[in-house]
Amino acid sequence: MDILQTSILQPFVNRLTSRSILNDDERSALLRLPGQLKLVASHVDFVRPGEEIDHACFVVEGLVGRFGQNADGVRQITCLHIPGDMADLPSVVSPKSGWGLVSLTRTKVLRVPHAALRSIAAKHSGVAEAFWRDCVADGSIFSQWVVNVGRRDSLARLAHLFCEMAIRCEQAGVGDRNSFPLPITQSDLGDATGITSIHVNRTLKELRTRSIVNMRGGVVAVSDWERLVATGAFDAAYLLLDGPSPRISAAA
């Protein structure tokens, strides 16, 4: 049954306003978006590559991986989505999914109809602009993930991933750069960084031995943020979190 999810959708509004300026009417319209809550067990593909979908998935609780896979079913996680993320906002204009979404933990998603998202974008130019900018940020993150897998060694890959998730969790208010939740298995970390789970284990041990990071019980504790940043050659600019950009559309 469709329901109004004002409190549930507040983190999505917060995410959009971290990069875009929205007026009160636009914020209120976003909070009134209809949706259907769905509980997903851990490690279930709830959007499959090539599937035609009529909704976008907003992450309410849990951790979601976006992935692609080859003909043998071997997959590469290409982004992690935390609470507050609309994991597949681009599907609004491209309903045949070019990727899959998997729950990496027990997850709760709000399925927001494409029709409602298209309608609010048509009525509110500021919302359309915010959606556009959010998709640009999504593409920027994806590009950095390609660099991470293709051009960094295993230690730098994990360090860079931890830096990104620390900043994103801090921005979303679910942790900070000293400690943040990352309830992910070593196998899934391997799929996210392009290394084996055995190598992930060794690399985590190396980061712990160097007193940089300790990961235990689904929580990443950062012992030395500056060394973590240096190890991952991390520059947060690609996250596009310098504050809301001026509106292109007519002033509200």
Protein backbone atom coordinates (compact mmCIF):
# COMPACT_ATOMS: atom_id res chain seq x y z
CA MET A 1 0.00 0.00 0.00
CA ASP A 2 1.31 3.45 -0.90
CA ILE A 3 2.07 5.61 2.12
CA LEU A 4 3.40 9.06 2.83
CA GLN A 5 6.90 8.82 4.27
CA THR A 6 7.74 12.31 5.51
CA SER A 7 10.15 11.35 8.29
CA ILE A 8 11.64 8.48 6.30
CA LEU A 9 12.41 10.72 3.33
CA GLN A 10 14.04 13.52 5.34
CA PRO A 11 17.54 12.01 4.86
CA PHE A 12 16.97 12.09 1.08
CA VAL A 13 16.06 15.77 1.26
CA ASN A 14 19.18 16.35 3.36
CA ARG A 15 21.30 14.58 0.75
CA LEU A 16 19.86 16.68 -2.07
CA THR A 17 20.26 19.97 -0.18
CA SER A 18 23.91 19.20 0.54
CA ARG A 19 24.49 19.95 -3.16
CA SER A 20 21.41 21.89 -4.29
CA ILE A 21 19.28 24.79 -3.12
CA LEU A 22 15.62 23.88 -2.60
CA ASN A 23 12.83 26.15 -1.42
CA ASP A 24 10.25 25.20 1.21
CA ASP A 25 7.64 24.09 -1.34
CA GLU A 26 10.15 21.84 -3.06
CA ARG A 27 11.27 20.28 0.21
CA SER A 28 7.68 19.67 1.26
CA ALA A 29 6.85 18.09 -2.09
CA LEU A 30 9.80 15.71 -1.74
CA LEU A 31 8.70 14.70 1.76
CA ARG A 32 5.23 13.89 0.42
CA LEU A 33 6.49 11.44 -2.21
CA PRO A 34 4.55 8.18 -2.06
CA GLY A 35 6.32 4.88 -1.61
CA GLN A 36 6.07 1.28 -0.56
CA LEU A 37 8.29 -0.08 2.18
CA LYS A 38 9.97 -3.39 1.49
CA LEU A 39 12.13 -5.49 3.81
CA VAL A 40 14.90 -7.38 2.03
CA ALA A 41 16.88 -10.21 3.62
CA SER A 42 20.66 -10.08 3.53
CA HIS A 43 22.35 -10.89 0.21
CA VAL A 44 19.27 -10.78 -2.00
CA ASP A 45 19.37 -9.23 -5.48
CA PHE A 46 16.29 -7.00 -5.37
CA VAL A 47 17.03 -5.34 -8.73
CA ARG A 48 18.59 -7.52 -11.41
CA PRO A 49 20.71 -6.31 -14.32
CA GLY A 50 18.51 -5.80 -17.37
CA GLU A 51 15.30 -5.76 -15.34
CA GLU A 52 12.57 -3.28 -16.30
CA ILE A 53 11.53 -1.40 -13.17
CA ASP A 54 8.91 1.27 -12.44
CA HIS A 55 10.33 2.59 -9.17
CA ALA A 56 13.52 3.86 -7.60
CA CYS A 57 14.84 2.39 -4.35
CA PHE A 58 15.50 4.69 -1.41
CA VAL A 59 17.66 3.06 1.28
CA VAL A 60 15.98 3.45 4.69
CA GLU A 61 18.09 0.96 6.64
CA GLY A 62 20.98 -1.36 5.87
CA LEU A 63 23.67 -1.41 3.22
CA VAL A 64 23.17 -1.86 -0.52
CA GLY A 65 25.66 -2.68 -3.23
CA ARG A 66 25.26 -1.72 -6.86
CA PHE A 67 26.89 -4.32 -9.08
CA GLY A 68 27.58 -5.55 -12.56
CA GLN A 69 28.51 -9.09 -13.47
CA ASN A 70 29.95 -11.15 -16.30
CA ALA A 71 28.36 -14.07 -18.13
CA ASP A 72 29.63 -16.48 -15.45
CA GLY A 73 27.89 -14.53 -12.70
CA VAL A 74 31.11 -13.13 -11.23
CA ARG A 75 30.26 -9.67 -9.97
CA GLN A 76 31.93 -6.36 -9.26
CA ILE A 77 30.35 -4.03 -6.73
CA THR A 78 30.60 -0.55 -8.21
CA CYS A 79 29.11 1.53 -5.39
CA LEU A 80 27.89 1.19 -1.82
CA HIS A 81 24.63 2.85 -0.79
CA ILE A 82 23.86 3.85 2.79
CA PRO A 83 20.64 5.11 4.43
CA GLY A 84 19.60 8.36 2.77
CA ASP A 85 20.67 7.30 -0.74
CA MET A 86 18.24 6.85 -3.62
CA ALA A 87 20.26 3.95 -4.95
CA ASP A 88 19.03 4.04 -8.53
CA LEU A 89 17.73 7.54 -9.20
CA PRO A 90 18.97 7.37 -12.85
CA SER A 91 16.41 4.61 -13.46
CA VAL A 92 13.72 7.33 -13.52
CA VAL A 93 14.82 8.20 -17.06
CA SER A 94 16.24 4.76 -17.94
CA PRO A 95 13.88 2.15 -16.46
CA LYS A 96 15.70 -0.87 -17.89
CA SER A 97 18.38 -1.34 -15.28
CA GLY A 98 21.97 -1.47 -16.49
CA TRP A 99 23.09 -2.72 -13.06
CA GLY A 100 21.86 -4.79 -10.14
CA LEU A 101 21.19 -3.91 -6.51
CA VAL A 102 21.95 -6.36 -3.71
CA SER A 103 21.25 -6.08 -0.01
CA LEU A 104 24.56 -6.59 1.80
CA THR A 105 22.74 -6.69 5.14
CA ARG A 106 19.12 -6.99 6.17
CA THR A 107 17.80 -3.91 4.41
CA LYS A 108 14.70 -1.75 4.30
CA VAL A 109 13.98 0.17 1.10
CA LEU A 110 11.22 2.55 0.10
CA ARG A 111 10.16 1.90 -3.48
CA VAL A 112 9.22 5.30 -4.92
CA PRO A 113 7.29 5.18 -8.21
CA HIS A 114 9.05 6.63 -11.24
CA ALA A 115 5.80 8.37 -12.14
CA ALA A 116 5.86 10.31 -8.85
CA LEU A 117 9.50 11.29 -9.29
CA ARG A 118 8.88 12.45 -12.88
CA SER A 119 5.83 14.41 -11.76
CA ILE A 120 7.63 16.28 -8.98
CA ALA A 121 10.54 17.08 -11.32
CA ALA A 122 8.10 18.44 -13.92
CA LYS A 123 6.35 20.66 -11.38
CA HIS A 124 9.45 21.89 -9.55
CA SER A 125 12.46 22.93 -11.62
CA GLY A 126 14.62 23.08 -8.49
CA VAL A 127 13.89 19.43 -7.73
CA ALA A 128 14.69 18.44 -11.31
CA GLU A 129 17.99 20.29 -10.99
CA ALA A 130 18.72 18.58 -7.64
CA PHE A 131 18.01 15.16 -9.17
CA TRP A 132 20.32 15.99 -12.06
CA ARG A 133 23.10 17.12 -9.74
CA ASP A 134 22.68 14.02 -7.58
CA CYS A 135 23.13 11.83 -10.66
CA VAL A 136 26.27 13.82 -11.58
CA ALA A 137 27.67 13.12 -8.10
CA ASP A 138 26.77 9.46 -8.54
CA GLY A 139 28.71 9.35 -11.81
CA SER A 140 31.67 11.11 -10.21
CA ILE A 141 31.81 8.48 -7.46
CA PHE A 142 31.57 5.67 -9.99
CA SER A 143 34.51 7.13 -11.96
CA GLN A 144 36.65 7.16 -8.82
CA TRP A 145 35.72 3.55 -8.11
CA VAL A 146 37.04 2.62 -11.57
CA VAL A 147 40.33 4.34 -10.74
CA ASN A 148 40.41 2.59 -7.38
CA VAL A 149 40.09 -0.90 -8.86
CA GLY A 150 42.28 -0.23 -11.89
CA ARG A 151 45.13 1.95 -10.61
CA ARG A 152 45.67 1.41 -6.88
CA ASP A 153 47.24 -1.46 -4.96
CA SER A 154 45.19 -3.44 -2.46
CA LEU A 155 46.21 -1.37 0.58
CA ALA A 156 45.34 1.88 -1.17
CA ARG A 157 42.06 0.44 -2.46
CA LEU A 158 40.76 -0.43 0.98
CA ALA A 159 42.08 2.80 2.47
CA HIS A 160 40.37 4.86 -0.22
CA LEU A 161 37.09 2.99 0.23
CA PHE A 162 37.21 3.55 3.99
CA CYS A 163 37.90 7.27 3.50
CA GLU A 164 34.95 7.64 1.15
CA MET A 165 32.54 5.77 3.40
CA ALA A 166 33.73 7.75 6.43
CA ILE A 167 32.95 11.07 4.73
CA ARG A 168 29.64 9.86 3.33
CA CYS A 169 28.53 8.43 6.69
CA GLU A 170 29.59 11.66 8.40
CA GLN A 171 27.60 13.69 5.86
CA ALA A 172 24.55 11.46 6.39
CA GLY A 173 24.81 11.69 10.18
CA VAL A 174 25.36 7.97 10.72
CA GLY A 175 28.99 8.14 11.85
CA ASP A 176 32.10 10.22 11.35
CA ARG A 177 35.65 9.91 10.10
CA ASN A 178 36.77 8.40 13.40
CA SER A 179 34.16 5.65 13.57
CA PHE A 180 31.42 4.60 11.17
CA PRO A 181 29.26 1.55 10.45
CA LEU A 182 30.24 -0.66 7.53
CA PRO A 183 28.47 -4.00 8.05
CA ILE A 184 30.05 -5.76 5.08
CA THR A 185 31.67 -9.18 4.74
CA GLN A 186 35.25 -9.63 3.59
CA SER A 187 33.91 -11.39 0.49
CA ASP A 188 31.79 -8.35 -0.37
CA LEU A 189 34.74 -6.05 0.33
CA GLY A 190 36.64 -8.15 -2.19
CA ASP A 191 33.87 -7.66 -4.76
CA ALA A 192 34.02 -3.92 -4.11
CA THR A 193 37.80 -3.65 -4.47
CA GLY A 194 38.57 -6.36 -7.02
CA ILE A 195 40.68 -8.53 -4.72
CA THR A 196 40.08 -11.93 -3.13
CA SER A 197 38.57 -12.25 0.33
CA ILE A 198 41.85 -13.83 1.51
CA HIS A 199 43.74 -10.78 0.26
CA VAL A 200 41.17 -8.53 1.94
CA ASN A 201 41.89 -10.29 5.22
CA ARG A 202 45.63 -9.76 4.82
CA THR A 203 45.18 -6.12 3.85
CA LEU A 204 42.90 -5.41 6.82
CA LYS A 205 45.51 -6.98 9.06
CA GLU A 206 48.19 -4.73 7.54
CA LEU A 207 46.08 -1.61 8.15
CA ARG A 208 45.53 -2.74 11.73
CA THR A 209 49.23 -3.52 12.26
CA ARG A 210 50.12 -0.04 11.04
CA SER A 211 47.65 1.41 13.56
CA ILE A 212 45.61 3.08 10.83
CA VAL A 213 42.26 1.24 10.87
CA ASN A 214 40.61 -1.54 12.83
CA MET A 215 37.44 -3.14 11.46
CA ARG A 216 35.42 -5.24 13.86
CA GLY A 217 31.76 -6.14 14.26
CA GLY A 218 30.67 -4.12 11.25
CA VAL A 219 32.28 -0.92 12.53
CA VAL A 220 35.37 0.77 11.13
CA ALA A 221 37.46 2.53 13.79
CA VAL A 222 40.02 4.93 12.32
CA SER A 223 43.11 5.29 14.48
CA ASP A 224 44.93 7.77 12.24
CA TRP A 225 42.82 9.70 9.73
CA GLU A 226 45.72 11.53 8.11
CA ARG A 227 47.64 8.31 7.48
CA LEU A 228 44.48 6.67 6.10
CA VAL A 229 44.05 9.57 3.67
CA ALA A 230 47.70 9.36 2.64
CA THR A 231 47.57 5.58 2.21
CA GLY A 232 44.53 5.82 -0.06
CA ALA A 233 45.70 9.00 -1.86
CA PHE A 234 42.23 10.25 -1.04
CA ASP A 235 40.88 13.59 -2.22
CA ALA A 236 37.22 14.15 -1.32
CA ALA A 237 36.63 16.61 -4.20
CA TYR A 238 34.95 13.91 -6.33
CA LEU A 239 32.16 13.60 -3.74
CA LEU A 240 31.03 17.14 -4.70
CA LEU A 241 30.36 18.17 -1.10
CA ASP A 242 31.54 21.78 -1.21
CA GLY A 243 28.03 23.00 -0.44
CA PRO A 244 24.92 23.77 -2.50
CA SER A 245 25.60 25.09 -6.00
CA PRO A 246 23.78 28.20 -7.26
CA ARG A 247 20.48 27.40 -8.95
CA ILE A 248 20.43 27.32 -12.72
CA SER A 249 16.64 27.57 -12.81
CA ALA A 250 14.77 30.76 -12.00
CA ALA A 251 15.33 31.99 -8.44
CA ALA A 252 12.81 30.61 -5.95
